[in-house]
Protein backbone atom coordinates (compact mmCIF):
# COMPACT_ATOMS: atom_id res chain seq x y z
CA MET A 1 33.81 117.48 89.13
CA LEU A 2 32.46 113.99 88.88
CA GLY A 3 35.69 111.91 88.87
CA PHE A 4 35.45 108.22 87.97
CA TRP A 5 31.78 108.55 88.56
CA GLU A 6 30.05 106.31 86.10
CA ARG A 7 32.30 103.31 85.70
CA GLU A 8 29.49 100.77 86.10
CA ASP A 9 27.16 102.87 83.92
CA VAL A 10 29.82 103.21 81.21
CA GLN A 11 30.55 99.49 81.27
CA GLN A 12 26.83 98.67 81.05
CA HIS A 13 26.44 101.12 78.16
CA ARG A 14 29.24 99.33 76.33
CA LYS A 15 27.62 95.95 76.93
CA ASP A 16 24.30 97.30 75.65
CA ALA A 17 25.96 98.85 72.58
CA GLY A 18 27.47 95.52 71.58
CA LYS A 19 30.97 94.51 70.59
CA GLY A 20 32.82 94.17 67.32
CA GLY A 21 35.02 97.25 67.36
CA GLN A 22 32.24 99.74 68.08
CA VAL A 23 33.57 103.23 68.81
CA ASN A 24 31.98 105.12 71.72
CA GLU A 25 31.84 108.89 71.22
CA PHE A 26 31.31 111.65 73.78
CA SER A 27 31.86 115.39 74.26
CA GLY A 28 33.75 117.00 77.12
CA VAL A 29 35.99 119.86 78.22
CA VAL A 30 39.62 119.65 79.36
CA THR A 31 39.68 120.64 83.04
CA ASP A 32 43.35 120.12 83.94
CA ILE A 33 46.69 118.96 82.54
CA ARG A 34 49.85 117.72 84.24
CA GLU A 35 53.16 116.31 83.11
CA GLU A 36 53.39 112.56 83.59
CA SER A 37 57.01 112.00 82.56
CA ARG A 38 59.95 113.37 80.63
CA VAL A 39 62.46 110.90 79.18
CA ALA A 40 65.19 111.69 76.65
CA GLY A 41 63.51 114.96 75.72
CA ARG A 42 60.08 113.39 75.19
CA GLN A 43 57.19 114.35 77.40
CA ARG A 44 54.01 112.52 78.28
CA TRP A 45 51.07 114.38 79.73
CA GLN A 46 47.87 113.57 81.56
CA MET A 47 44.64 115.44 80.85
CA ALA A 48 41.47 115.44 82.94
CA LEU A 49 38.06 116.00 81.33
CA ASP A 50 34.74 117.05 82.84
CA ARG A 51 33.25 113.82 81.47
CA THR A 52 34.65 110.73 79.80
CA GLU A 53 33.75 107.27 78.59
CA PHE A 54 37.35 106.08 78.76
CA VAL A 55 38.16 103.51 81.46
CA ALA A 56 41.46 101.90 82.43
CA GLY A 57 42.94 99.98 79.52
CA ASP A 58 41.17 102.03 76.82
CA VAL A 59 42.83 103.89 73.96
CA GLY A 60 41.32 106.24 71.41
CA MET A 61 41.33 109.84 70.23
CA LEU A 62 40.42 113.30 71.41
CA GLU A 63 39.53 115.83 68.74
CA ALA A 64 39.27 119.60 69.06
CA VAL A 65 39.16 122.64 66.80
CA ALA A 66 41.88 125.29 67.19
CA ARG A 67 41.06 129.01 67.09
CA SER A 68 42.48 129.01 63.57
CA GLY A 69 39.88 126.43 62.56
CA ALA A 70 42.43 123.62 62.25
CA LYS A 71 41.29 120.19 63.45
CA LEU A 72 43.46 118.85 66.29
CA VAL A 73 43.67 115.10 66.86
CA VAL A 74 45.30 113.83 70.05
CA PRO A 75 45.78 110.06 70.50
CA VAL A 76 44.89 108.78 73.98
CA LEU A 77 47.64 106.28 74.80
CA GLY A 78 46.13 105.08 78.05
CA VAL A 79 43.96 106.01 81.00
CA VAL A 80 44.88 106.11 84.68
CA MET A 81 42.96 106.88 87.85
CA ASP A 82 44.68 108.73 90.69
CA ALA A 83 44.25 108.13 94.44
CA ALA A 84 41.44 110.73 94.55
CA GLY A 85 39.50 108.80 91.88
CA GLU A 86 40.08 111.29 89.05
CA VAL A 87 40.49 109.86 85.55
CA TRP A 88 43.54 111.07 83.57
CA HIS A 89 43.99 110.53 79.83
CA VAL A 90 47.65 109.89 78.87
CA VAL A 91 48.74 111.85 75.77
CA GLU A 92 51.95 113.11 74.16
CA LYS A 93 50.54 116.53 73.23
CA PRO A 94 48.14 118.13 75.72
CA LEU A 95 45.31 120.51 74.97
CA ALA A 96 44.77 123.63 77.09
CA ALA A 97 42.31 123.61 79.99
CA GLY A 98 38.94 124.83 78.76
CA THR A 99 39.28 123.18 75.33
CA ARG A 100 36.13 121.42 74.12
CA VAL A 101 36.82 117.93 72.80
CA THR A 102 35.07 115.03 71.15
CA GLY A 103 36.37 111.74 72.48
CA ARG A 104 36.33 108.44 70.64
CA VAL A 105 37.05 105.28 72.59
CA SER A 106 38.35 102.53 70.32
CA GLY A 107 39.24 99.81 72.76
């Protein structure tokens, strides 16, 4: 797994792409999930992907297609990096490991 591998490359790509609310899109696969917190019956989860364009401070969406064909949309509420350098996407509803996603970074 690559971890927070391309931070400078991702930032340069964003500079090259320009500003003005541009949405960066990428494809990836969920590699791991873990519970971040549980407060008053509400859970928050962290999901790791095999590749990402999200960096700390970003928000956006992850989209997937369920086996039933239904489109799943999961808001990314934040992004954190652990001590090992792995990037975790903070969500309220996780997707299963192995799920293919399309990510959209909106800011």
